[in-house]
Amino acid sequence: MKRISDIKSRPLALITGGRRGIGASVVMQLASEGFDIVFTCRHEDAKSTALCAEVESVGGKALAIASELENLEAQQQLIDKVIAWGGKIDCLVNNAGIGSPCRGDLLAMQPEAFDLVINTNLRGTFFFTQLVAKHMLSVPSQHPRSIITISSVSAEMASPERGEYCLSKAALAMSTKLFALRLAAANIGVFEIRPGVIRTDMTAGVANKYEERFKNGLVPMARWGETEDIAVAVSSLASGKLNFSTGSVINIDGGLSIPTF
């Protein structure tokens, strides 16, 4: 089997929320595997510019585009920019999303918080995936094609203090299955990756809490997940080597989600 880097023209990956954390690690992993990169971010700044330069340092091209995932009206324009720049989309990584605005009693959850999380994590992701899928079906490519959604162990494990987040991730799990079935005949692999407790700036504020819980057995592997752990899984799926798999769920959680008693 040819490696992606052996093929003359480079495949293009589109990563939502690629400026930092898991997204930035995915950007660099895919770039190192031979992809050109477009990533979205809420604002283009020095950090996004530096990330583009890092991609170029490993031989790829990169473009950062400011985008709000929940803004459905702007999604087609975003895709048009990507296609005008790179010609086609071979891999979509749905990484952008938000957490619960305020953790608390499930019985006190406000409709505004529910709508914000669902509109971003689920509605925005679903309709963006729909547009990219239509593009993939209409424009042929010599490269493997994939749609990979970064979900969460919260798709299955309940956290009542952030119910809207759990609901959004559970629905994304079904979305993965639906798109997998719709796109299977076109050999477009659709996958869900469920990270566990990952060391990012978003978890920095509760780092001490998790360190203590690791000692008490929360995660069987007894360590933080790193953003690179997620990125390697994404690149494995995007490579096309698992070409008879689709609709699969990959848990990158150190055993956190394994039921025990």
C-alpha atoms as a PDB file:
ATOM      1  CA  MET A   1       0.000   0.000   0.000  1.00  0.00           C
ATOM      2  CA  LYS A   2       1.298   3.462  -0.851  1.00  0.00           C
ATOM      3  CA  ARG A   3       1.882   5.891   1.947  1.00  0.00           C
ATOM      4  CA  ILE A   4       0.031   9.176   1.626  1.00  0.00           C
ATOM      5  CA  SER A   5       3.365  10.964   1.286  1.00  0.00           C
ATOM      6  CA  ASP A   6       4.224   8.787  -1.747  1.00  0.00           C
ATOM      7  CA  ILE A   7       1.289  10.149  -3.747  1.00  0.00           C
ATOM      8  CA  LYS A   8       2.199  13.157  -5.865  1.00  0.00           C
ATOM      9  CA  SER A   9      -0.541  15.571  -4.810  1.00  0.00           C
ATOM     10  CA  ARG A  10      -1.090  16.022  -1.100  1.00  0.00           C
ATOM     11  CA  PRO A  11      -4.479  15.286   0.469  1.00  0.00           C
ATOM     12  CA  LEU A  12      -6.218  18.112   2.310  1.00  0.00           C
ATOM     13  CA  ALA A  13      -7.551  17.911   5.841  1.00  0.00           C
ATOM     14  CA  LEU A  14     -10.017  20.377   7.336  1.00  0.00           C
ATOM     15  CA  ILE A  15      -9.918  20.558  11.125  1.00  0.00           C
ATOM     16  CA  THR A  16     -12.479  22.614  13.023  1.00  0.00           C
ATOM     17  CA  GLY A  17     -11.191  24.263  16.169  1.00  0.00           C
ATOM     18  CA  GLY A  18      -7.594  23.610  15.186  1.00  0.00           C
ATOM     19  CA  ARG A  19      -5.838  26.561  16.804  1.00  0.00           C
ATOM     20  CA  ARG A  20      -5.004  24.971  20.176  1.00  0.00           C
ATOM     21  CA  GLY A  21      -5.200  21.855  22.309  1.00  0.00           C
ATOM     22  CA  ILE A  22      -6.345  18.643  20.650  1.00  0.00           C
ATOM     23  CA  GLY A  23      -7.032  20.469  17.393  1.00  0.00           C
ATOM     24  CA  ALA A  24      -3.507  21.864  17.111  1.00  0.00           C
ATOM     25  CA  SER A  25      -1.981  18.441  17.776  1.00  0.00           C
ATOM     26  CA  VAL A  26      -4.195  16.946  15.073  1.00  0.00           C
ATOM     27  CA  VAL A  27      -3.112  19.701  12.675  1.00  0.00           C
ATOM     28  CA  MET A  28       0.572  18.921  13.203  1.00  0.00           C
ATOM     29  CA  GLN A  29       0.165  15.142  13.164  1.00  0.00           C
ATOM     30  CA  LEU A  30      -1.708  15.191   9.861  1.00  0.00           C
ATOM     31  CA  ALA A  31       0.745  17.699   8.394  1.00  0.00           C
ATOM     32  CA  SER A  32       3.626  15.410   9.328  1.00  0.00           C
ATOM     33  CA  GLU A  33       1.786  12.539   7.631  1.00  0.00           C
ATOM     34  CA  GLY A  34       1.598  14.429   4.328  1.00  0.00           C
ATOM     35  CA  PHE A  35      -1.619  16.440   4.493  1.00  0.00           C
ATOM     36  CA  ASP A  36      -2.100  20.067   3.603  1.00  0.00           C
ATOM     37  CA  ILE A  37      -4.157  21.716   6.309  1.00  0.00           C
ATOM     38  CA  VAL A  38      -7.037  24.124   6.725  1.00  0.00           C
ATOM     39  CA  PHE A  39      -8.129  24.748  10.280  1.00  0.00           C
ATOM     40  CA  THR A  40     -10.826  26.943  11.721  1.00  0.00           C
ATOM     41  CA  CYS A  41     -10.554  29.148  14.775  1.00  0.00           C
ATOM     42  CA  ARG A  42     -12.748  31.788  16.327  1.00  0.00           C
ATOM     43  CA  HIS A  43     -10.145  34.481  15.651  1.00  0.00           C
ATOM     44  CA  GLU A  44      -7.045  34.577  13.489  1.00  0.00           C
ATOM     45  CA  ASP A  45      -4.127  35.748  15.608  1.00  0.00           C
ATOM     46  CA  ALA A  46      -0.431  35.253  16.251  1.00  0.00           C
ATOM     47  CA  LYS A  47      -1.062  31.728  17.538  1.00  0.00           C
ATOM     48  CA  SER A  48      -2.896  30.620  14.406  1.00  0.00           C
ATOM     49  CA  THR A  49      -0.229  32.250  12.230  1.00  0.00           C
ATOM     50  CA  ALA A  50       2.502  30.412  14.149  1.00  0.00           C
ATOM     51  CA  LEU A  51       0.679  27.107  13.697  1.00  0.00           C
ATOM     52  CA  CYS A  52       0.504  27.664   9.928  1.00  0.00           C
ATOM     53  CA  ALA A  53       4.257  28.282   9.971  1.00  0.00           C
ATOM     54  CA  GLU A  54       4.777  24.996  11.853  1.00  0.00           C
ATOM     55  CA  VAL A  55       2.835  23.130   9.176  1.00  0.00           C
ATOM     56  CA  GLU A  56       4.980  24.729   6.494  1.00  0.00           C
ATOM     57  CA  SER A  57       8.115  23.714   8.411  1.00  0.00           C
ATOM     58  CA  VAL A  58       7.226  20.029   7.863  1.00  0.00           C
ATOM     59  CA  GLY A  59       6.545  20.507   4.157  1.00  0.00           C
ATOM     60  CA  GLY A  60       2.836  21.267   4.072  1.00  0.00           C
ATOM     61  CA  LYS A  61       0.629  24.198   3.249  1.00  0.00           C
ATOM     62  CA  ALA A  62      -1.740  25.663   5.823  1.00  0.00           C
ATOM     63  CA  LEU A  63      -4.607  28.111   5.995  1.00  0.00           C
ATOM     64  CA  ALA A  64      -6.402  29.396   9.094  1.00  0.00           C
ATOM     65  CA  ILE A  65      -9.978  30.648   8.707  1.00  0.00           C
ATOM     66  CA  ALA A  66     -11.938  32.477  11.375  1.00  0.00           C
ATOM     67  CA  SER A  67     -15.287  30.755  11.810  1.00  0.00           C
ATOM     68  CA  GLU A  68     -18.135  30.257  14.282  1.00  0.00           C
ATOM     69  CA  LEU A  69     -19.349  26.656  14.037  1.00  0.00           C
ATOM     70  CA  GLU A  70     -22.866  27.495  15.176  1.00  0.00           C
ATOM     71  CA  ASN A  71     -23.315  30.033  12.349  1.00  0.00           C
ATOM     72  CA  LEU A  72     -24.960  27.796   9.745  1.00  0.00           C
ATOM     73  CA  GLU A  73     -25.385  30.637   7.273  1.00  0.00           C
ATOM     74  CA  ALA A  74     -21.591  31.017   6.975  1.00  0.00           C
ATOM     75  CA  GLN A  75     -20.753  27.318   6.617  1.00  0.00           C
ATOM     76  CA  GLN A  76     -21.051  27.080   2.828  1.00  0.00           C
ATOM     77  CA  GLN A  77     -18.903  30.169   2.414  1.00  0.00           C
ATOM     78  CA  LEU A  78     -16.268  28.547   4.608  1.00  0.00           C
ATOM     79  CA  ILE A  79     -16.253  25.389   2.522  1.00  0.00           C
ATOM     80  CA  ASP A  80     -16.065  27.443  -0.669  1.00  0.00           C
ATOM     81  CA  LYS A  81     -12.934  29.149   0.716  1.00  0.00           C
ATOM     82  CA  VAL A  82     -11.359  25.804   1.512  1.00  0.00           C
ATOM     83  CA  ILE A  83     -12.080  24.410  -1.960  1.00  0.00           C
ATOM     84  CA  ALA A  84     -10.857  27.594  -3.676  1.00  0.00           C
ATOM     85  CA  TRP A  85      -7.606  27.308  -1.719  1.00  0.00           C
ATOM     86  CA  GLY A  86      -7.018  23.562  -1.827  1.00  0.00           C
ATOM     87  CA  GLY A  87      -9.280  22.127  -4.516  1.00  0.00           C
ATOM     88  CA  LYS A  88     -10.986  19.453  -2.440  1.00  0.00           C
ATOM     89  CA  ILE A  89     -11.442  18.080   1.064  1.00  0.00           C
ATOM     90  CA  ASP A  90     -10.178  14.583   1.784  1.00  0.00           C
ATOM     91  CA  CYS A  91     -10.484  14.504   5.565  1.00  0.00           C
ATOM     92  CA  LEU A  92     -12.803  16.379   7.895  1.00  0.00           C
ATOM     93  CA  VAL A  93     -11.978  16.388  11.592  1.00  0.00           C
ATOM     94  CA  ASN A  94     -14.884  17.707  13.646  1.00  0.00           C
ATOM     95  CA  ASN A  95     -13.039  18.964  16.696  1.00  0.00           C
ATOM     96  CA  ALA A  96     -14.628  22.326  17.526  1.00  0.00           C
ATOM     97  CA  GLY A  97     -17.047  22.419  20.404  1.00  0.00           C
ATOM     98  CA  ILE A  98     -17.776  23.925  23.789  1.00  0.00           C
ATOM     99  CA  GLY A  99     -18.306  22.647  27.299  1.00  0.00           C
ATOM    100  CA  SER A 100     -21.177  23.407  29.626  1.00  0.00           C
ATOM    101  CA  PRO A 101     -21.341  27.152  30.328  1.00  0.00           C
ATOM    102  CA  CYS A 102     -21.882  26.424  33.997  1.00  0.00           C
ATOM    103  CA  ARG A 103     -21.745  23.089  35.787  1.00  0.00           C
ATOM    104  CA  GLY A 104     -24.474  22.555  38.320  1.00  0.00           C
ATOM    105  CA  ASP A 105     -27.643  20.784  39.317  1.00  0.00           C
ATOM    106  CA  LEU A 106     -29.371  19.135  36.358  1.00  0.00           C
ATOM    107  CA  LEU A 107     -32.663  20.471  37.702  1.00  0.00           C
ATOM    108  CA  ALA A 108     -31.351  24.024  37.425  1.00  0.00           C
ATOM    109  CA  MET A 109     -30.139  23.819  33.804  1.00  0.00           C
ATOM    110  CA  GLN A 110     -31.314  26.845  31.830  1.00  0.00           C
ATOM    111  CA  PRO A 111     -32.724  26.687  28.273  1.00  0.00           C
ATOM    112  CA  GLU A 112     -30.160  29.255  27.137  1.00  0.00           C
ATOM    113  CA  ALA A 113     -27.265  27.023  28.176  1.00  0.00           C
ATOM    114  CA  PHE A 114     -28.904  23.981  26.611  1.00  0.00           C
ATOM    115  CA  ASP A 115     -29.468  25.781  23.307  1.00  0.00           C
ATOM    116  CA  LEU A 116     -25.932  27.184  23.174  1.00  0.00           C
ATOM    117  CA  VAL A 117     -24.274  23.797  23.652  1.00  0.00           C
ATOM    118  CA  ILE A 118     -26.629  21.884  21.369  1.00  0.00           C
ATOM    119  CA  ASN A 119     -26.473  24.527  18.631  1.00  0.00           C
ATOM    120  CA  THR A 120     -22.687  24.470  18.660  1.00  0.00           C
ATOM    121  CA  ASN A 121     -21.695  20.894  19.375  1.00  0.00           C
ATOM    122  CA  LEU A 122     -24.518  19.077  17.618  1.00  0.00           C
ATOM    123  CA  ARG A 123     -26.389  21.334  15.196  1.00  0.00           C
ATOM    124  CA  GLY A 124     -23.288  23.115  13.939  1.00  0.00           C
ATOM    125  CA  THR A 125     -21.295  19.902  13.581  1.00  0.00           C
ATOM    126  CA  PHE A 126     -24.118  17.966  11.923  1.00  0.00           C
ATOM    127  CA  PHE A 127     -24.844  20.503   9.212  1.00  0.00           C
ATOM    128  CA  PHE A 128     -21.172  21.230   8.584  1.00  0.00           C
ATOM    129  CA  THR A 129     -20.588  17.498   8.133  1.00  0.00           C
ATOM    130  CA  GLN A 130     -23.539  17.365   5.774  1.00  0.00           C
ATOM    131  CA  LEU A 131     -22.007  20.047   3.544  1.00  0.00           C
ATOM    132  CA  VAL A 132     -18.575  18.408   3.511  1.00  0.00           C
ATOM    133  CA  ALA A 133     -20.135  15.022   2.742  1.00  0.00           C
ATOM    134  CA  LYS A 134     -21.953  16.503  -0.262  1.00  0.00           C
ATOM    135  CA  HIS A 135     -18.666  17.950  -1.477  1.00  0.00           C
ATOM    136  CA  MET A 136     -16.857  14.631  -1.081  1.00  0.00           C
ATOM    137  CA  LEU A 137     -19.553  12.862  -3.080  1.00  0.00           C
ATOM    138  CA  SER A 138     -19.408  15.412  -5.879  1.00  0.00           C
ATOM    139  CA  VAL A 139     -15.631  15.819  -6.286  1.00  0.00           C
ATOM    140  CA  PRO A 140     -13.484  12.722  -6.885  1.00  0.00           C
ATOM    141  CA  SER A 141     -10.127  12.260  -5.200  1.00  0.00           C
ATOM    142  CA  GLN A 142      -7.223   9.851  -5.494  1.00  0.00           C
ATOM    143  CA  HIS A 143      -6.790   9.881  -1.708  1.00  0.00           C
ATOM    144  CA  PRO A 144      -8.630   8.030   1.078  1.00  0.00           C
ATOM    145  CA  ARG A 145     -11.508  10.065   2.454  1.00  0.00           C
ATOM    146  CA  SER A 146     -12.722  10.239   6.005  1.00  0.00           C
ATOM    147  CA  ILE A 147     -14.890  12.150   8.446  1.00  0.00           C
ATOM    148  CA  ILE A 148     -13.696  11.921  12.039  1.00  0.00           C
ATOM    149  CA  THR A 149     -15.588  13.442  14.948  1.00  0.00           C
ATOM    150  CA  ILE A 150     -13.810  14.127  18.228  1.00  0.00           C
ATOM    151  CA  SER A 151     -16.524  13.360  20.738  1.00  0.00           C
ATOM    152  CA  SER A 152     -16.033  12.417  24.396  1.00  0.00           C
ATOM    153  CA  VAL A 153     -16.457   9.571  26.834  1.00  0.00           C
ATOM    154  CA  SER A 154     -19.412  11.720  27.913  1.00  0.00           C
ATOM    155  CA  ALA A 155     -21.262  10.330  24.903  1.00  0.00           C
ATOM    156  CA  GLU A 156     -21.791   7.273  27.092  1.00  0.00           C
ATOM    157  CA  MET A 157     -20.745   8.196  30.629  1.00  0.00           C
ATOM    158  CA  ALA A 158     -23.236  10.442  32.422  1.00  0.00           C
ATOM    159  CA  SER A 159     -22.217  13.610  34.268  1.00  0.00           C
ATOM    160  CA  PRO A 160     -25.433  15.117  35.663  1.00  0.00           C
ATOM    161  CA  GLU A 161     -23.700  18.417  36.470  1.00  0.00           C
ATOM    162  CA  ARG A 162     -23.111  19.052  32.733  1.00  0.00           C
ATOM    163  CA  GLY A 163     -26.108  17.416  31.156  1.00  0.00           C
ATOM    164  CA  GLU A 164     -26.298  19.562  28.036  1.00  0.00           C
ATOM    165  CA  TYR A 165     -22.725  18.608  27.129  1.00  0.00           C
ATOM    166  CA  CYS A 166     -23.394  14.890  27.590  1.00  0.00           C
ATOM    167  CA  LEU A 167     -26.540  15.106  25.484  1.00  0.00           C
ATOM    168  CA  SER A 168     -24.678  16.835  22.660  1.00  0.00           C
ATOM    169  CA  LYS A 169     -21.957  14.176  22.611  1.00  0.00           C
ATOM    170  CA  ALA A 170     -24.424  11.290  22.781  1.00  0.00           C
ATOM    171  CA  ALA A 171     -26.230  12.698  19.755  1.00  0.00           C
ATOM    172  CA  LEU A 172     -22.941  13.044  17.875  1.00  0.00           C
ATOM    173  CA  ALA A 173     -22.412   9.319  18.401  1.00  0.00           C
ATOM    174  CA  MET A 174     -25.627   8.603  16.525  1.00  0.00           C
ATOM    175  CA  SER A 175     -24.695  11.167  13.886  1.00  0.00           C
ATOM    176  CA  THR A 176     -21.503   9.202  13.221  1.00  0.00           C
ATOM    177  CA  LYS A 177     -23.494   6.024  12.635  1.00  0.00           C
ATOM    178  CA  LEU A 178     -25.940   7.797  10.333  1.00  0.00           C
ATOM    179  CA  PHE A 179     -23.254   9.373   8.165  1.00  0.00           C
ATOM    180  CA  ALA A 180     -21.286   6.114   8.144  1.00  0.00           C
ATOM    181  CA  LEU A 181     -24.243   4.282   6.632  1.00  0.00           C
ATOM    182  CA  ARG A 182     -25.030   7.049   4.145  1.00  0.00           C
ATOM    183  CA  LEU A 183     -21.437   7.336   2.883  1.00  0.00           C
ATOM    184  CA  ALA A 184     -20.280   3.722   3.063  1.00  0.00           C
ATOM    185  CA  ALA A 185     -20.968   2.973  -0.601  1.00  0.00           C
ATOM    186  CA  ALA A 186     -18.698   5.883  -1.552  1.00  0.00           C
ATOM    187  CA  ASN A 187     -15.847   4.461   0.584  1.00  0.00           C
ATOM    188  CA  ILE A 188     -15.848   7.474   2.892  1.00  0.00           C
ATOM    189  CA  GLY A 189     -14.942   6.249   6.360  1.00  0.00           C
ATOM    190  CA  VAL A 190     -16.821   7.902   9.206  1.00  0.00           C
ATOM    191  CA  PHE A 191     -15.497   7.530  12.743  1.00  0.00           C
ATOM    192  CA  GLU A 192     -15.923   8.796  16.297  1.00  0.00           C
ATOM    193  CA  ILE A 193     -13.056   9.275  18.719  1.00  0.00           C
ATOM    194  CA  ARG A 194     -13.949   9.531  22.402  1.00  0.00           C
ATOM    195  CA  PRO A 195     -11.217  11.183  24.477  1.00  0.00           C
ATOM    196  CA  GLY A 196     -11.130  10.719  28.221  1.00  0.00           C
ATOM    197  CA  VAL A 197      -9.353  13.118  30.573  1.00  0.00           C
ATOM    198  CA  ILE A 198      -6.923  14.983  28.317  1.00  0.00           C
ATOM    199  CA  ARG A 199      -4.281  17.469  29.451  1.00  0.00           C
ATOM    200  CA  THR A 200      -5.157  20.787  27.757  1.00  0.00           C
ATOM    201  CA  ASP A 201      -5.529  24.397  28.825  1.00  0.00           C
ATOM    202  CA  MET A 202      -9.245  23.656  29.233  1.00  0.00           C
ATOM    203  CA  THR A 203      -8.504  21.113  31.983  1.00  0.00           C
ATOM    204  CA  ALA A 204      -5.696  23.108  33.603  1.00  0.00           C
ATOM    205  CA  GLY A 205      -8.056  24.643  36.154  1.00  0.00           C
ATOM    206  CA  VAL A 206      -9.055  21.224  37.520  1.00  0.00           C
ATOM    207  CA  ALA A 207      -5.650  19.544  37.159  1.00  0.00           C
ATOM    208  CA  ASN A 208      -5.163  18.999  40.910  1.00  0.00           C
ATOM    209  CA  LYS A 209      -8.590  17.431  41.215  1.00  0.00           C
ATOM    210  CA  TYR A 210      -7.843  14.943  38.458  1.00  0.00           C
ATOM    211  CA  GLU A 211      -4.365  14.152  39.762  1.00  0.00           C
ATOM    212  CA  GLU A 212      -5.962  13.064  43.028  1.00  0.00           C
ATOM    213  CA  ARG A 213      -8.620  11.032  41.237  1.00  0.00           C
ATOM    214  CA  PHE A 214      -5.956   9.284  39.153  1.00  0.00           C
ATOM    215  CA  LYS A 215      -4.354   8.145  42.409  1.00  0.00           C
ATOM    216  CA  ASN A 216      -7.723   6.781  43.494  1.00  0.00           C
ATOM    217  CA  GLY A 217      -8.166   4.704  40.355  1.00  0.00           C
ATOM    218  CA  LEU A 218     -10.320   6.894  38.103  1.00  0.00           C
ATOM    219  CA  VAL A 219      -8.266   5.945  35.023  1.00  0.00           C
ATOM    220  CA  PRO A 220      -6.857   2.395  34.907  1.00  0.00           C
ATOM    221  CA  MET A 221      -3.723   3.615  33.099  1.00  0.00           C
ATOM    222  CA  ALA A 222      -3.279   6.136  35.938  1.00  0.00           C
ATOM    223  CA  ARG A 223      -2.201   9.080  33.817  1.00  0.00           C
ATOM    224  CA  TRP A 224      -3.400  12.042  31.828  1.00  0.00           C
ATOM    225  CA  GLY A 225      -4.263  11.582  28.200  1.00  0.00           C
ATOM    226  CA  GLU A 226      -2.175  13.827  25.974  1.00  0.00           C
ATOM    227  CA  THR A 227      -3.360  15.687  22.912  1.00  0.00           C
ATOM    228  CA  GLU A 228      -0.867  13.651  20.885  1.00  0.00           C
ATOM    229  CA  ASP A 229      -2.720  10.469  21.885  1.00  0.00           C
ATOM    230  CA  ILE A 230      -5.794  11.788  20.093  1.00  0.00           C
ATOM    231  CA  ALA A 231      -3.824  13.065  17.104  1.00  0.00           C
ATOM    232  CA  VAL A 232      -2.198   9.683  16.440  1.00  0.00           C
ATOM    233  CA  ALA A 233      -5.616   8.013  16.456  1.00  0.00           C
ATOM    234  CA  VAL A 234      -6.944  10.595  13.991  1.00  0.00           C
ATOM    235  CA  SER A 235      -4.036  10.084  11.608  1.00  0.00           C
ATOM    236  CA  SER A 236      -4.482   6.310  11.737  1.00  0.00           C
ATOM    237  CA  LEU A 237      -8.116   6.656  10.682  1.00  0.00           C
ATOM    238  CA  ALA A 238      -7.392   9.334   8.072  1.00  0.00           C
ATOM    239  CA  SER A 239      -4.693   7.209   6.432  1.00  0.00           C
ATOM    240  CA  GLY A 240      -7.244   4.883   4.841  1.00  0.00           C
ATOM    241  CA  LYS A 241      -5.456   1.809   6.162  1.00  0.00           C
ATOM    242  CA  LEU A 242      -8.625   0.725   7.983  1.00  0.00           C
ATOM    243  CA  ASN A 243     -10.461   0.675   4.674  1.00  0.00           C
ATOM    244  CA  PHE A 244     -13.070  -1.926   5.673  1.00  0.00           C
ATOM    245  CA  SER A 245     -14.090  -0.024   8.803  1.00  0.00           C
ATOM    246  CA  THR A 246     -16.685   2.688   9.226  1.00  0.00           C
ATOM    247  CA  GLY A 247     -19.001   3.832  12.000  1.00  0.00           C
ATOM    248  CA  SER A 248     -16.413   2.720  14.549  1.00  0.00           C
ATOM    249  CA  VAL A 249     -15.870   4.271  17.972  1.00  0.00           C
ATOM    250  CA  ILE A 250     -12.309   4.585  19.276  1.00  0.00           C
ATOM    251  CA  ASN A 251     -11.958   5.241  23.010  1.00  0.00           C
ATOM    252  CA  ILE A 252      -8.759   7.129  23.860  1.00  0.00           C
ATOM    253  CA  ASP A 253      -9.275   7.209  27.605  1.00  0.00           C
ATOM    254  CA  GLY A 254      -6.803   4.924  29.364  1.00  0.00           C
ATOM    255  CA  GLY A 255      -9.594   2.475  30.192  1.00  0.00           C
ATOM    256  CA  LEU A 256     -11.800   5.083  31.893  1.00  0.00           C
ATOM    257  CA  SER A 257     -14.975   4.004  30.101  1.00  0.00           C
ATOM    258  CA  ILE A 258     -14.617   0.259  30.682  1.00  0.00           C
ATOM    259  CA  PRO A 259     -17.516  -0.818  32.914  1.00  0.00           C
ATOM    260  CA  THR A 260     -16.308  -2.258  36.202  1.00  0.00           C
ATOM    261  CA  PHE A 261     -17.894  -3.468  39.440  1.00  0.00           C
END
